Amino acid sequence: HSVIVGLYEPRTGKRLPLQDNDFLLLGAIDV
């Protein structure tokens, strides 16, 4: 599984762009 984080405008739901995506991959976990 992957854990991601990001920011968005609550009125529109539009995510803040980050480099090549609209989220940051924090890491992976193995369940």
mmCIF file of all heavy atoms, coordinates in Angstrom:
data_MODEL
# 
_entry.id   MODEL 
# 
loop_
_atom_site.group_PDB 
_atom_site.id 
_atom_site.type_symbol 
_atom_site.label_atom_id 
_atom_site.label_alt_id 
_atom_site.label_comp_id 
_atom_site.label_asym_id 
_atom_site.label_entity_id 
_atom_site.label_seq_id 
_atom_site.pdbx_PDB_ins_code 
_atom_site.Cartn_x 
_atom_site.Cartn_y 
_atom_site.Cartn_z 
_atom_site.occupancy 
_atom_site.B_iso_or_equiv 
_atom_site.pdbx_formal_charge 
_atom_site.auth_seq_id 
_atom_site.auth_comp_id 
_atom_site.auth_asym_id 
_atom_site.auth_atom_id 
_atom_site.pdbx_PDB_model_num 
ATOM 1   N N   . HIS A 1 1  ? 0.854   -1.180 0.000   1.00 0.00 ? 1  HIS A N   1 
ATOM 2   C CA  . HIS A 1 1  ? 0.000   0.000  0.000   1.00 0.00 ? 1  HIS A CA  1 
ATOM 3   C C   . HIS A 1 1  ? 0.895   1.237  0.000   1.00 0.00 ? 1  HIS A C   1 
ATOM 4   O O   . HIS A 1 1  ? 2.023   1.188  0.463   1.00 0.00 ? 1  HIS A O   1 
ATOM 5   C CB  . HIS A 1 1  ? -0.901  0.019  1.233   1.00 0.00 ? 1  HIS A CB  1 
ATOM 6   C CG  . HIS A 1 1  ? -1.946  -1.044 1.241   1.00 0.00 ? 1  HIS A CG  1 
ATOM 7   N ND1 . HIS A 1 1  ? -1.645  -2.374 1.437   1.00 0.00 ? 1  HIS A ND1 1 
ATOM 8   C CD2 . HIS A 1 1  ? -3.279  -0.981 1.078   1.00 0.00 ? 1  HIS A CD2 1 
ATOM 9   C CE1 . HIS A 1 1  ? -2.760  -3.081 1.396   1.00 0.00 ? 1  HIS A CE1 1 
ATOM 10  N NE2 . HIS A 1 1  ? -3.770  -2.251 1.180   1.00 0.00 ? 1  HIS A NE2 1 
ATOM 11  N N   . SER A 1 2  ? 0.361   2.343  -0.510  1.00 0.00 ? 2  SER A N   1 
ATOM 12  C CA  . SER A 1 2  ? 1.102   3.600  -0.548  1.00 0.00 ? 2  SER A CA  1 
ATOM 13  C C   . SER A 1 2  ? 0.399   4.639  0.303   1.00 0.00 ? 2  SER A C   1 
ATOM 14  O O   . SER A 1 2  ? -0.829  4.660  0.387   1.00 0.00 ? 2  SER A O   1 
ATOM 15  C CB  . SER A 1 2  ? 1.185   4.136  -1.980  1.00 0.00 ? 2  SER A CB  1 
ATOM 16  O OG  . SER A 1 2  ? 1.843   3.219  -2.809  1.00 0.00 ? 2  SER A OG  1 
ATOM 17  N N   . VAL A 1 3  ? 1.195   5.527  0.896   1.00 0.00 ? 3  VAL A N   1 
ATOM 18  C CA  . VAL A 1 3  ? 0.656   6.650  1.665   1.00 0.00 ? 3  VAL A CA  1 
ATOM 19  C C   . VAL A 1 3  ? 1.036   7.922  0.931   1.00 0.00 ? 3  VAL A C   1 
ATOM 20  O O   . VAL A 1 3  ? 2.222   8.155  0.655   1.00 0.00 ? 3  VAL A O   1 
ATOM 21  C CB  . VAL A 1 3  ? 1.211   6.664  3.104   1.00 0.00 ? 3  VAL A CB  1 
ATOM 22  C CG1 . VAL A 1 3  ? 0.638   7.842  3.882   1.00 0.00 ? 3  VAL A CG1 1 
ATOM 23  C CG2 . VAL A 1 3  ? 0.911   5.351  3.818   1.00 0.00 ? 3  VAL A CG2 1 
ATOM 24  N N   . ILE A 1 4  ? 0.016   8.729  0.602   1.00 0.00 ? 4  ILE A N   1 
ATOM 25  C CA  . ILE A 1 4  ? 0.258   9.982  -0.101  1.00 0.00 ? 4  ILE A CA  1 
ATOM 26  C C   . ILE A 1 4  ? -0.342  11.151 0.686   1.00 0.00 ? 4  ILE A C   1 
ATOM 27  O O   . ILE A 1 4  ? -1.257  10.959 1.492   1.00 0.00 ? 4  ILE A O   1 
ATOM 28  C CB  . ILE A 1 4  ? -0.296  9.967  -1.544  1.00 0.00 ? 4  ILE A CB  1 
ATOM 29  C CG1 . ILE A 1 4  ? -1.827  9.850  -1.547  1.00 0.00 ? 4  ILE A CG1 1 
ATOM 30  C CG2 . ILE A 1 4  ? 0.346   8.858  -2.367  1.00 0.00 ? 4  ILE A CG2 1 
ATOM 31  C CD1 . ILE A 1 4  ? -2.454  10.087 -2.927  1.00 0.00 ? 4  ILE A CD1 1 
ATOM 32  N N   . VAL A 1 5  ? 0.188   12.345 0.419   1.00 0.00 ? 5  VAL A N   1 
ATOM 33  C CA  . VAL A 1 5  ? -0.296  13.557 1.081   1.00 0.00 ? 5  VAL A CA  1 
ATOM 34  C C   . VAL A 1 5  ? -0.300  14.695 0.066   1.00 0.00 ? 5  VAL A C   1 
ATOM 35  O O   . VAL A 1 5  ? 0.472   14.679 -0.897  1.00 0.00 ? 5  VAL A O   1 
ATOM 36  C CB  . VAL A 1 5  ? 0.587   13.912 2.302   1.00 0.00 ? 5  VAL A CB  1 
ATOM 37  C CG1 . VAL A 1 5  ? 1.994   14.293 1.878   1.00 0.00 ? 5  VAL A CG1 1 
ATOM 38  C CG2 . VAL A 1 5  ? -0.041  14.992 3.154   1.00 0.00 ? 5  VAL A CG2 1 
ATOM 39  N N   . GLY A 1 6  ? -1.181  15.652 0.299   1.00 0.00 ? 6  GLY A N   1 
ATOM 40  C CA  . GLY A 1 6  ? -1.225  16.815 -0.567  1.00 0.00 ? 6  GLY A CA  1 
ATOM 41  C C   . GLY A 1 6  ? -2.140  17.877 0.017   1.00 0.00 ? 6  GLY A C   1 
ATOM 42  O O   . GLY A 1 6  ? -2.666  17.727 1.121   1.00 0.00 ? 6  GLY A O   1 
ATOM 43  N N   . LEU A 1 7  ? -2.309  18.948 -0.734  1.00 0.00 ? 7  LEU A N   1 
ATOM 44  C CA  . LEU A 1 7  ? -3.154  20.064 -0.323  1.00 0.00 ? 7  LEU A CA  1 
ATOM 45  C C   . LEU A 1 7  ? -4.173  20.350 -1.416  1.00 0.00 ? 7  LEU A C   1 
ATOM 46  O O   . LEU A 1 7  ? -3.880  20.166 -2.601  1.00 0.00 ? 7  LEU A O   1 
ATOM 47  C CB  . LEU A 1 7  ? -2.300  21.316 -0.107  1.00 0.00 ? 7  LEU A CB  1 
ATOM 48  C CG  . LEU A 1 7  ? -1.292  21.270 1.025   1.00 0.00 ? 7  LEU A CG  1 
ATOM 49  C CD1 . LEU A 1 7  ? -0.277  22.394 0.872   1.00 0.00 ? 7  LEU A CD1 1 
ATOM 50  C CD2 . LEU A 1 7  ? -1.990  21.385 2.365   1.00 0.00 ? 7  LEU A CD2 1 
ATOM 51  N N   . TYR A 1 8  ? -5.363  20.805 -1.013  1.00 0.00 ? 8  TYR A N   1 
ATOM 52  C CA  . TYR A 1 8  ? -6.360  21.182 -1.997  1.00 0.00 ? 8  TYR A CA  1 
ATOM 53  C C   . TYR A 1 8  ? -7.195  22.362 -1.519  1.00 0.00 ? 8  TYR A C   1 
ATOM 54  O O   . TYR A 1 8  ? -7.280  22.644 -0.331  1.00 0.00 ? 8  TYR A O   1 
ATOM 55  C CB  . TYR A 1 8  ? -7.261  19.997 -2.385  1.00 0.00 ? 8  TYR A CB  1 
ATOM 56  C CG  . TYR A 1 8  ? -8.182  19.507 -1.283  1.00 0.00 ? 8  TYR A CG  1 
ATOM 57  C CD1 . TYR A 1 8  ? -9.463  20.042 -1.121  1.00 0.00 ? 8  TYR A CD1 1 
ATOM 58  C CD2 . TYR A 1 8  ? -7.780  18.504 -0.418  1.00 0.00 ? 8  TYR A CD2 1 
ATOM 59  C CE1 . TYR A 1 8  ? -10.314 19.584 -0.124  1.00 0.00 ? 8  TYR A CE1 1 
ATOM 60  C CE2 . TYR A 1 8  ? -8.617  18.043 0.580   1.00 0.00 ? 8  TYR A CE2 1 
ATOM 61  C CZ  . TYR A 1 8  ? -9.886  18.580 0.719   1.00 0.00 ? 8  TYR A CZ  1 
ATOM 62  O OH  . TYR A 1 8  ? -10.721 18.131 1.713   1.00 0.00 ? 8  TYR A OH  1 
ATOM 63  N N   . GLU A 1 9  ? -7.802  23.043 -2.485  1.00 0.00 ? 9  GLU A N   1 
ATOM 64  C CA  . GLU A 1 9  ? -8.706  24.163 -2.226  1.00 0.00 ? 9  GLU A CA  1 
ATOM 65  C C   . GLU A 1 9  ? -10.061 23.569 -1.844  1.00 0.00 ? 9  GLU A C   1 
ATOM 66  O O   . GLU A 1 9  ? -10.671 22.861 -2.647  1.00 0.00 ? 9  GLU A O   1 
ATOM 67  C CB  . GLU A 1 9  ? -8.805  25.027 -3.478  1.00 0.00 ? 9  GLU A CB  1 
ATOM 68  C CG  . GLU A 1 9  ? -9.952  25.991 -3.530  1.00 0.00 ? 9  GLU A CG  1 
ATOM 69  C CD  . GLU A 1 9  ? -10.047 26.937 -2.363  1.00 0.00 ? 9  GLU A CD  1 
ATOM 70  O OE1 . GLU A 1 9  ? -9.052  27.599 -2.033  1.00 0.00 ? 9  GLU A OE1 1 
ATOM 71  O OE2 . GLU A 1 9  ? -11.138 27.005 -1.777  1.00 0.00 ? 9  GLU A OE2 1 
ATOM 72  N N   . PRO A 1 10 ? -10.534 23.788 -0.618  1.00 0.00 ? 10 PRO A N   1 
ATOM 73  C CA  . PRO A 1 10 ? -11.768 23.125 -0.177  1.00 0.00 ? 10 PRO A CA  1 
ATOM 74  C C   . PRO A 1 10 ? -13.022 23.530 -0.965  1.00 0.00 ? 10 PRO A C   1 
ATOM 75  O O   . PRO A 1 10 ? -13.931 22.719 -1.103  1.00 0.00 ? 10 PRO A O   1 
ATOM 76  C CB  . PRO A 1 10 ? -11.900 23.516 1.292   1.00 0.00 ? 10 PRO A CB  1 
ATOM 77  C CG  . PRO A 1 10 ? -10.970 24.634 1.524   1.00 0.00 ? 10 PRO A CG  1 
ATOM 78  C CD  . PRO A 1 10 ? -9.936  24.593 0.442   1.00 0.00 ? 10 PRO A CD  1 
ATOM 79  N N   . ARG A 1 11 ? -13.080 24.734 -1.503  1.00 0.00 ? 11 ARG A N   1 
ATOM 80  C CA  . ARG A 1 11 ? -14.274 25.144 -2.258  1.00 0.00 ? 11 ARG A CA  1 
ATOM 81  C C   . ARG A 1 11 ? -14.394 24.424 -3.588  1.00 0.00 ? 11 ARG A C   1 
ATOM 82  O O   . ARG A 1 11 ? -15.487 24.090 -4.020  1.00 0.00 ? 11 ARG A O   1 
ATOM 83  C CB  . ARG A 1 11 ? -14.265 26.655 -2.513  1.00 0.00 ? 11 ARG A CB  1 
ATOM 84  C CG  . ARG A 1 11 ? -14.632 27.495 -1.317  1.00 0.00 ? 11 ARG A CG  1 
ATOM 85  C CD  . ARG A 1 11 ? -14.766 28.983 -1.652  1.00 0.00 ? 11 ARG A CD  1 
ATOM 86  N NE  . ARG A 1 11 ? -13.508 29.564 -2.139  1.00 0.00 ? 11 ARG A NE  1 
ATOM 87  C CZ  . ARG A 1 11 ? -13.294 29.945 -3.396  1.00 0.00 ? 11 ARG A CZ  1 
ATOM 88  N NH1 . ARG A 1 11 ? -14.223 29.860 -4.300  1.00 0.00 ? 11 ARG A NH1 1 
ATOM 89  N NH2 . ARG A 1 11 ? -12.120 30.449 -3.743  1.00 0.00 ? 11 ARG A NH2 1 
ATOM 90  N N   . THR A 1 12 ? -13.259 24.159 -4.233  1.00 0.00 ? 12 THR A N   1 
ATOM 91  C CA  . THR A 1 12 ? -13.277 23.572 -5.573  1.00 0.00 ? 12 THR A CA  1 
ATOM 92  C C   . THR A 1 12 ? -12.817 22.117 -5.602  1.00 0.00 ? 12 THR A C   1 
ATOM 93  O O   . THR A 1 12 ? -13.085 21.413 -6.566  1.00 0.00 ? 12 THR A O   1 
ATOM 94  C CB  . THR A 1 12 ? -12.361 24.363 -6.519  1.00 0.00 ? 12 THR A CB  1 
ATOM 95  O OG1 . THR A 1 12 ? -11.002 24.233 -6.062  1.00 0.00 ? 12 THR A OG1 1 
ATOM 96  C CG2 . THR A 1 12 ? -12.756 25.827 -6.585  1.00 0.00 ? 12 THR A CG2 1 
ATOM 97  N N   . GLY A 1 13 ? -12.076 21.684 -4.583  1.00 0.00 ? 13 GLY A N   1 
ATOM 98  C CA  . GLY A 1 13 ? -11.499 20.343 -4.592  1.00 0.00 ? 13 GLY A CA  1 
ATOM 99  C C   . GLY A 1 13 ? -10.234 20.253 -5.418  1.00 0.00 ? 13 GLY A C   1 
ATOM 100 O O   . GLY A 1 13 ? -9.616  19.195 -5.515  1.00 0.00 ? 13 GLY A O   1 
ATOM 101 N N   . LYS A 1 14 ? -9.802  21.373 -6.020  1.00 0.00 ? 14 LYS A N   1 
ATOM 102 C CA  . LYS A 1 14 ? -8.604  21.370 -6.871  1.00 0.00 ? 14 LYS A CA  1 
ATOM 103 C C   . LYS A 1 14 ? -7.351  21.226 -6.017  1.00 0.00 ? 14 LYS A C   1 
ATOM 104 O O   . LYS A 1 14 ? -7.129  21.971 -5.072  1.00 0.00 ? 14 LYS A O   1 
ATOM 105 C CB  . LYS A 1 14 ? -8.528  22.653 -7.695  1.00 0.00 ? 14 LYS A CB  1 
ATOM 106 C CG  . LYS A 1 14 ? -7.345  22.660 -8.627  1.00 0.00 ? 14 LYS A CG  1 
ATOM 107 C CD  . LYS A 1 14 ? -7.337  23.851 -9.534  1.00 0.00 ? 14 LYS A CD  1 
ATOM 108 C CE  . LYS A 1 14 ? -6.054  23.738 -10.323 1.00 0.00 ? 14 LYS A CE  1 
ATOM 109 N NZ  . LYS A 1 14 ? -5.971  24.481 -11.478 1.00 0.00 ? 14 LYS A NZ  1 
ATOM 110 N N   . ARG A 1 15 ? -6.537  20.240 -6.389  1.00 0.00 ? 15 ARG A N   1 
ATOM 111 C CA  . ARG A 1 15 ? -5.299  19.972 -5.656  1.00 0.00 ? 15 ARG A CA  1 
ATOM 112 C C   . ARG A 1 15 ? -4.187  20.922 -6.082  1.00 0.00 ? 15 ARG A C   1 
ATOM 113 O O   . ARG A 1 15 ? -4.105  21.337 -7.238  1.00 0.00 ? 15 ARG A O   1 
ATOM 114 C CB  . ARG A 1 15 ? -4.838  18.529 -5.895  1.00 0.00 ? 15 ARG A CB  1 
ATOM 115 C CG  . ARG A 1 15 ? -5.722  17.492 -5.263  1.00 0.00 ? 15 ARG A CG  1 
ATOM 116 C CD  . ARG A 1 15 ? -5.139  16.119 -5.504  1.00 0.00 ? 15 ARG A CD  1 
ATOM 117 N NE  . ARG A 1 15 ? -5.933  15.077 -4.891  1.00 0.00 ? 15 ARG A NE  1 
ATOM 118 C CZ  . ARG A 1 15 ? -5.590  13.792 -4.894  1.00 0.00 ? 15 ARG A CZ  1 
ATOM 119 N NH1 . ARG A 1 15 ? -4.465  13.406 -5.478  1.00 0.00 ? 15 ARG A NH1 1 
ATOM 120 N NH2 . ARG A 1 15 ? -6.355  12.906 -4.313  1.00 0.00 ? 15 ARG A NH2 1 
ATOM 121 N N   . LEU A 1 16 ? -3.303  21.218 -5.136  1.00 0.00 ? 16 LEU A N   1 
ATOM 122 C CA  . LEU A 1 16 ? -2.132  22.037 -5.396  1.00 0.00 ? 16 LEU A CA  1 
ATOM 123 C C   . LEU A 1 16 ? -1.124  21.204 -6.178  1.00 0.00 ? 16 LEU A C   1 
ATOM 124 O O   . LEU A 1 16 ? -0.807  20.083 -5.769  1.00 0.00 ? 16 LEU A O   1 
ATOM 125 C CB  . LEU A 1 16 ? -1.523  22.479 -4.066  1.00 0.00 ? 16 LEU A CB  1 
ATOM 126 C CG  . LEU A 1 16 ? -0.386  23.476 -4.098  1.00 0.00 ? 16 LEU A CG  1 
ATOM 127 C CD1 . LEU A 1 16 ? -0.912  24.843 -4.498  1.00 0.00 ? 16 LEU A CD1 1 
ATOM 128 C CD2 . LEU A 1 16 ? 0.257   23.556 -2.733  1.00 0.00 ? 16 LEU A CD2 1 
ATOM 129 N N   . PRO A 1 17 ? -0.611  21.699 -7.307  1.00 0.00 ? 17 PRO A N   1 
ATOM 130 C CA  . PRO A 1 17 ? 0.368   20.918 -8.069  1.00 0.00 ? 17 PRO A CA  1 
ATOM 131 C C   . PRO A 1 17 ? 1.714   20.839 -7.337  1.00 0.00 ? 17 PRO A C   1 
ATOM 132 O O   . PRO A 1 17 ? 2.152   21.803 -6.722  1.00 0.00 ? 17 PRO A O   1 
ATOM 133 C CB  . PRO A 1 17 ? 0.503   21.684 -9.382  1.00 0.00 ? 17 PRO A CB  1 
ATOM 134 C CG  . PRO A 1 17 ? 0.017   23.058 -9.096  1.00 0.00 ? 17 PRO A CG  1 
ATOM 135 C CD  . PRO A 1 17 ? -0.933  22.971 -7.937  1.00 0.00 ? 17 PRO A CD  1 
ATOM 136 N N   . LEU A 1 18 ? 2.326   19.666 -7.420  1.00 0.00 ? 18 LEU A N   1 
ATOM 137 C CA  . LEU A 1 18 ? 3.640   19.418 -6.817  1.00 0.00 ? 18 LEU A CA  1 
ATOM 138 C C   . LEU A 1 18 ? 4.519   18.717 -7.851  1.00 0.00 ? 18 LEU A C   1 
ATOM 139 O O   . LEU A 1 18 ? 4.258   17.568 -8.181  1.00 0.00 ? 18 LEU A O   1 
ATOM 140 C CB  . LEU A 1 18 ? 3.523   18.523 -5.581  1.00 0.00 ? 18 LEU A CB  1 
ATOM 141 C CG  . LEU A 1 18 ? 2.772   19.094 -4.395  1.00 0.00 ? 18 LEU A CG  1 
ATOM 142 C CD1 . LEU A 1 18 ? 2.488   18.004 -3.379  1.00 0.00 ? 18 LEU A CD1 1 
ATOM 143 C CD2 . LEU A 1 18 ? 3.592   20.190 -3.754  1.00 0.00 ? 18 LEU A CD2 1 
ATOM 144 N N   . GLN A 1 19 ? 5.512   19.373 -8.350  1.00 0.00 ? 19 GLN A N   1 
ATOM 145 C CA  . GLN A 1 19 ? 6.427   18.831 -9.351  1.00 0.00 ? 19 GLN A CA  1 
ATOM 146 C C   . GLN A 1 19 ? 5.642   18.164 -10.477 1.00 0.00 ? 19 GLN A C   1 
ATOM 147 O O   . GLN A 1 19 ? 4.966   18.835 -11.218 1.00 0.00 ? 19 GLN A O   1 
ATOM 148 C CB  . GLN A 1 19 ? 7.438   17.889 -8.704  1.00 0.00 ? 19 GLN A CB  1 
ATOM 149 C CG  . GLN A 1 19 ? 8.357   18.600 -7.736  1.00 0.00 ? 19 GLN A CG  1 
ATOM 150 C CD  . GLN A 1 19 ? 9.331   17.676 -7.046  1.00 0.00 ? 19 GLN A CD  1 
ATOM 151 O OE1 . GLN A 1 19 ? 9.322   16.465 -7.235  1.00 0.00 ? 19 GLN A OE1 1 
ATOM 152 N NE2 . GLN A 1 19 ? 10.175  18.235 -6.227  1.00 0.00 ? 19 GLN A NE2 1 
ATOM 153 N N   . ASP A 1 20 ? 5.705   16.838 -10.595 1.00 0.00 ? 20 ASP A N   1 
ATOM 154 C CA  . ASP A 1 20 ? 5.047   16.126 -11.699 1.00 0.00 ? 20 ASP A CA  1 
ATOM 155 C C   . ASP A 1 20 ? 3.681   15.573 -11.322 1.00 0.00 ? 20 ASP A C   1 
ATOM 156 O O   . ASP A 1 20 ? 3.108   14.800 -12.079 1.00 0.00 ? 20 ASP A O   1 
ATOM 157 C CB  . ASP A 1 20 ? 5.932   14.971 -12.177 1.00 0.00 ? 20 ASP A CB  1 
ATOM 158 C CG  . ASP A 1 20 ? 7.242   15.457 -12.770 1.00 0.00 ? 20 ASP A CG  1 
ATOM 159 O OD1 . ASP A 1 20 ? 7.272   16.606 -13.253 1.00 0.00 ? 20 ASP A OD1 1 
ATOM 160 O OD2 . ASP A 1 20 ? 8.224   14.709 -12.745 1.00 0.00 ? 20 ASP A OD2 1 
ATOM 161 N N   . ASN A 1 21 ? 3.158   15.917 -10.146 1.00 0.00 ? 21 ASN A N   1 
ATOM 162 C CA  . ASN A 1 21 ? 1.912   15.329 -9.693  1.00 0.00 ? 21 ASN A CA  1 
ATOM 163 C C   . ASN A 1 21 ? 1.141   16.326 -8.839  1.00 0.00 ? 21 ASN A C   1 
ATOM 164 O O   . ASN A 1 21 ? 1.537   17.476 -8.716  1.00 0.00 ? 21 ASN A O   1 
ATOM 165 C CB  . ASN A 1 21 ? 2.211   14.046 -8.901  1.00 0.00 ? 21 ASN A CB  1 
ATOM 166 C CG  . ASN A 1 21 ? 1.232   12.946 -9.222  1.00 0.00 ? 21 ASN A CG  1 
ATOM 167 O OD1 . ASN A 1 21 ? 0.049   13.198 -9.390  1.00 0.00 ? 21 ASN A OD1 1 
ATOM 168 N ND2 . ASN A 1 21 ? 1.719   11.729 -9.299  1.00 0.00 ? 21 ASN A ND2 1 
ATOM 169 N N   . ASP A 1 22 ? 0.059   15.858 -8.216  1.00 0.00 ? 22 ASP A N   1 
ATOM 170 C CA  . ASP A 1 22 ? -0.704  16.712 -7.311  1.00 0.00 ? 22 ASP A CA  1 
ATOM 171 C C   . ASP A 1 22 ? -0.742  16.120 -5.903  1.00 0.00 ? 22 ASP A C   1 
ATOM 172 O O   . ASP A 1 22 ? -1.646  16.372 -5.137  1.00 0.00 ? 22 ASP A O   1 
ATOM 173 C CB  . ASP A 1 22 ? -2.115  16.979 -7.847  1.00 0.00 ? 22 ASP A CB  1 
ATOM 174 C CG  . ASP A 1 22 ? -2.936  15.724 -8.034  1.00 0.00 ? 22 ASP A CG  1 
ATOM 175 O OD1 . ASP A 1 22 ? -2.453  14.617 -7.709  1.00 0.00 ? 22 ASP A OD1 1 
ATOM 176 O OD2 . ASP A 1 22 ? -4.080  15.837 -8.508  1.00 0.00 ? 22 ASP A OD2 1 
ATOM 177 N N   . PHE A 1 23 ? 0.265   15.306 -5.603  1.00 0.00 ? 23 PHE A N   1 
ATOM 178 C CA  . PHE A 1 23 ? 0.429   14.732 -4.273  1.00 0.00 ? 23 PHE A CA  1 
ATOM 179 C C   . PHE A 1 23 ? 1.893   14.368 -4.083  1.00 0.00 ? 23 PHE A C   1 
ATOM 180 O O   . PHE A 1 23 ? 2.670   14.344 -5.040  1.00 0.00 ? 23 PHE A O   1 
ATOM 181 C CB  . PHE A 1 23 ? -0.446  13.479 -4.073  1.00 0.00 ? 23 PHE A CB  1 
ATOM 182 C CG  . PHE A 1 23 ? -0.096  12.339 -5.003  1.00 0.00 ? 23 PHE A CG  1 
ATOM 183 C CD1 . PHE A 1 23 ? 0.900   11.427 -4.670  1.00 0.00 ? 23 PHE A CD1 1 
ATOM 184 C CD2 . PHE A 1 23 ? -0.750  12.190 -6.209  1.00 0.00 ? 23 PHE A CD2 1 
ATOM 185 C CE1 . PHE A 1 23 ? 1.232   10.386 -5.523  1.00 0.00 ? 23 PHE A CE1 1 
ATOM 186 C CE2 . PHE A 1 23 ? -0.435  11.155 -7.068  1.00 0.00 ? 23 PHE A CE2 1 
ATOM 187 C CZ  . PHE A 1 23 ? 0.558   10.255 -6.721  1.00 0.00 ? 23 PHE A CZ  1 
ATOM 188 N N   . LEU A 1 24 ? 2.256   14.076 -2.838  1.00 0.00 ? 24 LEU A N   1 
ATOM 189 C CA  . LEU A 1 24 ? 3.606   13.640 -2.503  1.00 0.00 ? 24 LEU A CA  1 
ATOM 190 C C   . LEU A 1 24 ? 3.513   12.227 -1.946  1.00 0.00 ? 24 LEU A C   1 
ATOM 191 O O   . LEU A 1 24 ? 2.710   11.969 -1.033  1.00 0.00 ? 24 LEU A O   1 
ATOM 192 C CB  . LEU A 1 24 ? 4.203   14.579 -1.452  1.00 0.00 ? 24 LEU A CB  1 
ATOM 193 C CG  . LEU A 1 24 ? 5.585   14.243 -0.925  1.00 0.00 ? 24 LEU A CG  1 
ATOM 194 C CD1 . LEU A 1 24 ? 6.630   14.381 -2.028  1.00 0.00 ? 24 LEU A CD1 1 
ATOM 195 C CD2 . LEU A 1 24 ? 5.942   15.157 0.236   1.00 0.00 ? 24 LEU A CD2 1 
ATOM 196 N N   . LEU A 1 25 ? 4.297   11.312 -2.480  1.00 0.00 ? 25 LEU A N   1 
ATOM 197 C CA  . LEU A 1 25 ? 4.346   9.946  -1.971  1.00 0.00 ? 25 LEU A CA  1 
ATOM 198 C C   . LEU A 1 25 ? 5.186   9.941  -0.705  1.00 0.00 ? 25 LEU A C   1 
ATOM 199 O O   . LEU A 1 25 ? 6.375   10.246 -0.742  1.00 0.00 ? 25 LEU A O   1 
ATOM 200 C CB  . LEU A 1 25 ? 4.957   9.007  -3.011  1.00 0.00 ? 25 LEU A CB  1 
ATOM 201 C CG  . LEU A 1 25 ? 5.170   7.562  -2.574  1.00 0.00 ? 25 LEU A CG  1 
ATOM 202 C CD1 . LEU A 1 25 ? 3.842   6.877  -2.276  1.00 0.00 ? 25 LEU A CD1 1 
ATOM 203 C CD2 . LEU A 1 25 ? 5.947   6.803  -3.642  1.00 0.00 ? 25 LEU A CD2 1 
ATOM 204 N N   . LEU A 1 26 ? 4.553   9.639  0.433   1.00 0.00 ? 26 LEU A N   1 
ATOM 205 C CA  . LEU A 1 26 ? 5.281   9.592  1.704   1.00 0.00 ? 26 LEU A CA  1 
ATOM 206 C C   . LEU A 1 26 ? 6.033   8.283  1.862   1.00 0.00 ? 26 LEU A C   1 
ATOM 207 O O   . LEU A 1 26 ? 7.070   8.232  2.505   1.00 0.00 ? 26 LEU A O   1 
ATOM 208 C CB  . LEU A 1 26 ? 4.323   9.776  2.885   1.00 0.00 ? 26 LEU A CB  1 
ATOM 209 C CG  . LEU A 1 26 ? 3.690   11.148 3.025   1.00 0.00 ? 26 LEU A CG  1 
ATOM 210 C CD1 . LEU A 1 26 ? 2.788   11.180 4.244   1.00 0.00 ? 26 LEU A CD1 1 
ATOM 211 C CD2 . LEU A 1 26 ? 4.748   12.235 3.119   1.00 0.00 ? 26 LEU A CD2 1 
ATOM 212 N N   . GLY A 1 27 ? 5.484   7.204  1.313   1.00 0.00 ? 27 GLY A N   1 
ATOM 213 C CA  . GLY A 1 27 ? 6.150   5.927  1.423   1.00 0.00 ? 27 GLY A CA  1 
ATOM 214 C C   . GLY A 1 27 ? 5.205   4.780  1.167   1.00 0.00 ? 27 GLY A C   1 
ATOM 215 O O   . GLY A 1 27 ? 4.026   4.971  0.866   1.00 0.00 ? 27 GLY A O   1 
ATOM 216 N N   . ALA A 1 28 ? 5.746   3.594  1.294   1.00 0.00 ? 28 ALA A N   1 
ATOM 217 C CA  . ALA A 1 28 ? 4.977   2.380  1.086   1.00 0.00 ? 28 ALA A CA  1 
ATOM 218 C C   . ALA A 1 28 ? 4.962   1.564  2.367   1.00 0.00 ? 28 ALA A C   1 
ATOM 219 O O   . ALA A 1 28 ? 5.910   1.612  3.152   1.00 0.00 ? 28 ALA A O   1 
ATOM 220 C CB  . ALA A 1 28 ? 5.590   1.567  -0.054  1.00 0.00 ? 28 ALA A CB  1 
ATOM 221 N N   . ILE A 1 29 ? 3.872   0.849  2.555   1.00 0.00 ? 29 ILE A N   1 
ATOM 222 C CA  . ILE A 1 29 ? 3.790   -0.066 3.692   1.00 0.00 ? 29 ILE A CA  1 
ATOM 223 C C   . ILE A 1 29 ? 3.335   -1.409 3.175   1.00 0.00 ? 29 ILE A C   1 
ATOM 224 O O   . ILE A 1 29 ? 2.634   -1.506 2.164   1.00 0.00 ? 29 ILE A O   1 
ATOM 225 C CB  . ILE A 1 29 ? 2.831   0.433  4.802   1.00 0.00 ? 29 ILE A CB  1 
ATOM 226 C CG1 . ILE A 1 29 ? 1.416   0.599  4.268   1.00 0.00 ? 29 ILE A CG1 1 
ATOM 227 C CG2 . ILE A 1 29 ? 3.320   1.732  5.393   1.00 0.00 ? 29 ILE A CG2 1 
ATOM 228 C CD1 . ILE A 1 29 ? 0.392   0.851  5.347   1.00 0.00 ? 29 ILE A CD1 1 
ATOM 229 N N   . ASP A 1 30 ? 3.755   -2.465 3.845   1.00 0.00 ? 30 ASP A N   1 
ATOM 230 C CA  . ASP A 1 30 ? 3.351   -3.811 3.486   1.00 0.00 ? 30 ASP A CA  1 
ATOM 231 C C   . ASP A 1 30 ? 2.436   -4.340 4.574   1.00 0.00 ? 30 ASP A C   1 
ATOM 232 O O   . ASP A 1 30 ? 2.870   -4.512 5.726   1.00 0.00 ? 30 ASP A O   1 
ATOM 233 C CB  . ASP A 1 30 ? 4.587   -4.699 3.327   1.00 0.00 ? 30 ASP A CB  1 
ATOM 234 C CG  . ASP A 1 30 ? 4.252   -6.046 2.679   1.00 0.00 ? 30 ASP A CG  1 
ATOM 235 O OD1 . ASP A 1 30 ? 3.305   -6.088 1.893   1.00 0.00 ? 30 ASP A OD1 1 
ATOM 236 O OD2 . ASP A 1 30 ? 4.938   -7.026 2.980   1.00 0.00 ? 30 ASP A OD2 1 
ATOM 237 N N   . VAL A 1 31 ? 1.190   -4.562 4.238   1.00 0.00 ? 31 VAL A N   1 
ATOM 238 C CA  . VAL A 1 31 ? 0.214   -5.071 5.195   1.00 0.00 ? 31 VAL A CA  1 
ATOM 239 C C   . VAL A 1 31 ? 0.316   -6.594 5.207   1.00 0.00 ? 31 VAL A C   1 
ATOM 240 O O   . VAL A 1 31 ? 0.281   -7.243 4.166   1.00 0.00 ? 31 VAL A O   1 
ATOM 241 C CB  . VAL A 1 31 ? -1.216  -4.632 4.798   1.00 0.00 ? 31 VAL A CB  1 
ATOM 242 C CG1 . VAL A 1 31 ? -2.243  -5.262 5.735   1.00 0.00 ? 31 VAL A CG1 1 
ATOM 243 C CG2 . VAL A 1 31 ? -1.314  -3.121 4.801   1.00 0.00 ? 31 VAL A CG2 1 
# 
